[in-house]
Structure formats: structure tokens, C-alpha cells
Protein backbone atom coordinates (compact mmCIF):
# COMPACT_ATOMS: atom_id res chain seq x y z
CA MET A 1 75.31 118.47 122.60
CA ALA A 2 76.41 118.97 126.17
CA ASP A 3 79.98 120.05 125.31
CA GLY A 4 78.83 122.87 123.02
CA ARG A 5 79.42 121.08 119.68
CA SER A 6 76.48 120.91 117.32
CA ALA A 7 75.45 117.62 115.75
CA GLU A 8 76.61 118.99 112.36
CA ASN A 9 80.09 119.83 113.68
CA THR A 10 80.33 116.39 115.29
CA LEU A 11 79.38 114.84 111.94
CA ARG A 12 82.11 116.89 110.22
CA ILE A 13 84.68 115.61 112.71
CA TYR A 14 83.83 111.97 112.05
CA ASN A 15 82.90 112.17 108.33
CA MET A 16 85.47 114.44 106.75
CA LEU A 17 83.00 115.63 104.11
CA PHE A 18 85.18 115.18 101.04
CA ASN A 19 84.01 117.15 98.02
CA LYS A 20 85.52 115.01 95.25
CA ILE A 21 88.72 113.30 94.14
CA HIS A 22 91.12 116.18 93.42
CA HIS A 23 93.63 114.35 91.24
CA ILE A 24 95.41 111.07 90.59
CA ALA A 25 99.21 110.96 90.52
CA ILE A 26 100.92 108.66 88.01
CA ILE A 27 104.68 108.05 87.83
CA CYS A 28 105.84 107.06 84.36
CA SER A 29 109.04 105.47 83.11
CA ASP A 30 109.29 107.42 79.81
CA TYR A 31 107.95 110.96 80.15
CA GLU A 32 107.68 111.82 76.45
CA LYS A 33 105.97 108.52 75.61
CA SER A 34 103.47 108.89 78.48
CA LYS A 35 102.87 112.58 77.74
CA HIS A 36 102.08 111.66 74.12
CA PHE A 37 99.73 108.88 75.26
CA TYR A 38 97.72 110.94 77.76
CA VAL A 39 97.61 114.12 75.62
CA ASN A 40 97.54 112.93 72.01
CA VAL A 41 95.95 109.48 72.34
CA LEU A 42 93.51 110.00 75.21
CA GLY A 43 93.01 113.71 74.51
CA LEU A 44 93.61 115.12 77.99
CA GLU A 45 94.34 118.83 78.16
CA VAL A 46 97.70 120.14 79.43
CA ILE A 47 97.15 122.64 82.22
CA LYS A 48 100.78 123.13 83.20
CA GLU A 49 104.12 121.46 82.56
CA THR A 50 106.94 121.94 85.05
CA TYR A 51 110.52 120.70 84.96
CA ARG A 52 112.02 120.35 88.43
CA ALA A 53 115.79 120.35 87.87
CA ALA A 54 116.69 119.44 91.47
CA ARG A 55 114.68 116.22 91.10
CA GLU A 56 115.44 115.63 87.40
CA SER A 57 111.68 115.33 87.11
CA TYR A 58 108.75 116.59 85.08
CA LYS A 59 105.30 117.23 86.49
CA LEU A 60 102.49 117.49 83.96
CA ASP A 61 99.06 118.61 85.14
CA LEU A 62 96.26 117.24 82.94
CA ALA A 63 92.53 117.94 82.72
CA LEU A 64 89.51 116.12 81.33
CA ASN A 65 86.64 118.33 80.17
CA GLY A 66 88.19 121.26 82.04
CA ASN A 67 88.54 119.33 85.30
CA TYR A 68 92.03 118.78 86.71
CA ILE A 69 92.44 115.01 87.15
CA ILE A 70 95.99 113.70 86.62
CA GLU A 71 99.48 114.65 87.75
CA LEU A 72 101.94 112.83 85.50
CA PHE A 73 105.40 112.60 87.05
CA SER A 74 108.73 111.40 85.73
CA PHE A 75 111.61 110.41 87.98
CA PRO A 76 114.96 108.85 87.09
CA ASN A 77 114.71 105.04 87.23
CA PRO A 78 111.42 104.56 89.09
CA PRO A 79 110.85 100.99 90.30
CA LYS A 80 108.25 98.95 88.42
CA ARG A 81 104.86 98.45 90.04
CA PRO A 82 103.38 94.98 89.69
CA SER A 83 99.87 95.05 88.25
CA ARG A 84 99.21 91.44 87.30
CA PRO A 85 98.41 89.21 89.00
CA GLU A 86 96.30 91.63 91.02
CA ALA A 87 98.65 93.57 93.29
CA GLN A 88 97.91 95.43 96.49
CA GLY A 89 97.32 99.15 96.05
CA LEU A 90 95.60 101.23 93.40
CA ARG A 91 93.98 98.79 91.00
CA HIS A 92 93.12 100.98 87.99
CA LEU A 93 91.89 104.34 86.75
CA ALA A 94 88.42 104.33 85.12
CA PHE A 95 87.06 106.78 82.55
CA GLU A 96 83.29 107.14 82.10
CA VAL A 97 82.26 107.13 78.43
CA ASP A 98 78.95 107.63 76.62
CA ASP A 99 79.53 104.97 73.94
CA ILE A 100 82.16 102.34 74.71
CA GLU A 101 82.32 101.03 71.13
CA VAL A 102 83.13 104.48 69.71
CA VAL A 103 85.96 104.95 72.23
CA ILE A 104 87.33 101.43 71.58
CA SER A 105 87.32 102.11 67.84
CA ASN A 106 89.20 105.37 68.41
CA LEU A 107 91.81 103.64 70.61
CA LYS A 108 92.29 100.82 68.09
CA GLU A 109 92.81 103.40 65.30
CA LYS A 110 95.71 104.65 67.45
CA ASP A 111 97.12 101.10 67.81
CA ILE A 112 96.03 100.73 71.45
CA ALA A 113 95.10 97.14 72.36
CA VAL A 114 91.75 96.87 74.15
CA GLU A 115 90.34 93.85 75.97
CA PRO A 116 86.93 92.45 74.94
CA ILE A 117 83.90 94.27 76.34
CA ARG A 118 82.45 92.76 79.50
CA THR A 119 79.27 93.49 81.44
CA ASP A 120 79.37 94.41 85.12
CA GLU A 121 77.21 91.76 86.78
CA LEU A 122 76.20 94.18 89.54
CA THR A 123 75.21 97.20 87.42
CA GLY A 124 74.58 95.74 83.96
CA LYS A 125 76.95 98.39 82.51
CA ARG A 126 79.53 97.57 79.85
CA PHE A 127 83.25 98.03 80.52
CA THR A 128 86.68 97.07 79.26
CA PHE A 129 90.36 97.66 79.95
CA PHE A 130 93.42 98.91 78.10
CA SER A 131 96.87 99.97 79.35
CA ASP A 132 99.02 103.08 79.36
CA PRO A 133 102.67 102.91 78.19
CA ASP A 134 103.76 101.61 81.64
CA ASP A 135 101.05 98.92 81.66
CA LEU A 136 98.90 100.81 84.19
CA PRO A 137 95.40 99.36 83.73
CA LEU A 138 92.88 101.91 82.47
CA GLU A 139 89.16 101.16 82.31
CA LEU A 140 86.39 102.41 80.08
CA TYR A 141 83.02 102.28 81.86
CA GLU A 142 79.90 103.03 79.83
CA LYS A 143 77.47 105.57 81.28
């Protein structure tokens, strides 16, 4: 290029070259209930738990298969987020699974309500939804 920038550097300027999603932050209304759900029901691994006294807030870092994925926060009296009917903003968090029926069975054994399985008309893959303790929609998407 005439100004001394290479085509690759120009591409980096315009296409930020993200590596991956680093984490998803979730604010819960009942920390202990949500911690139990994400750790004991869904089986995510606790990386670090921090209590921030100045904010009266917990921050729980969670991993899936060794990969850091969720920051679970608690704050005093957080406002509710509408999720249905479809609201603007983050729609849901999806987990890839090998066998959707096995995961559904496991969730139902833990008294978690799961919607009927549907098929993605674009990919032909099976999926369904369930909710966390704050009614955040969570999706299972079969590999």
C-alpha cells in the first residue's frame, strides 16, 4: 500500500480478528440458587469465587470442559430482564451436546423443565430450551 501499511495490517484494522468468545456475564437474583444450578445441575466447574464487599456482590468464574465461559454475578436488587415475549438484547445461551435426549433426561431427573425437542429448519439439527433460576433461556443444540 502507498502509505506503508501492508494489506494484512489493513485487514486487521477493519476486521478485528477476534479469537473466540471469552466469557458470558450473567447477573442473578439469588446467588446461592444460581450457583447451585450452574455448578451442581449443569456441572460447570468453579474456577474462582470472589466476594466484593464494597459492591455487596459475588463473582463466580465458571468453566466448561476446562474452558472459562461464564461470570456469574450477584448484586443487591438487580432489575428483572424481560425475556418473553422476545426482548431486545441477548436472546439466549446455547450449549452444544452430543446426545440431546441424554442431557434432557439428566435435566428432568434434576426437576428441570425442558421444552419439546425441535429441529432447526436451516441445519436439520435438534435443539430445545430450558431456563436457569432467573428464567434466562438456555438452549441445548445437538452436535
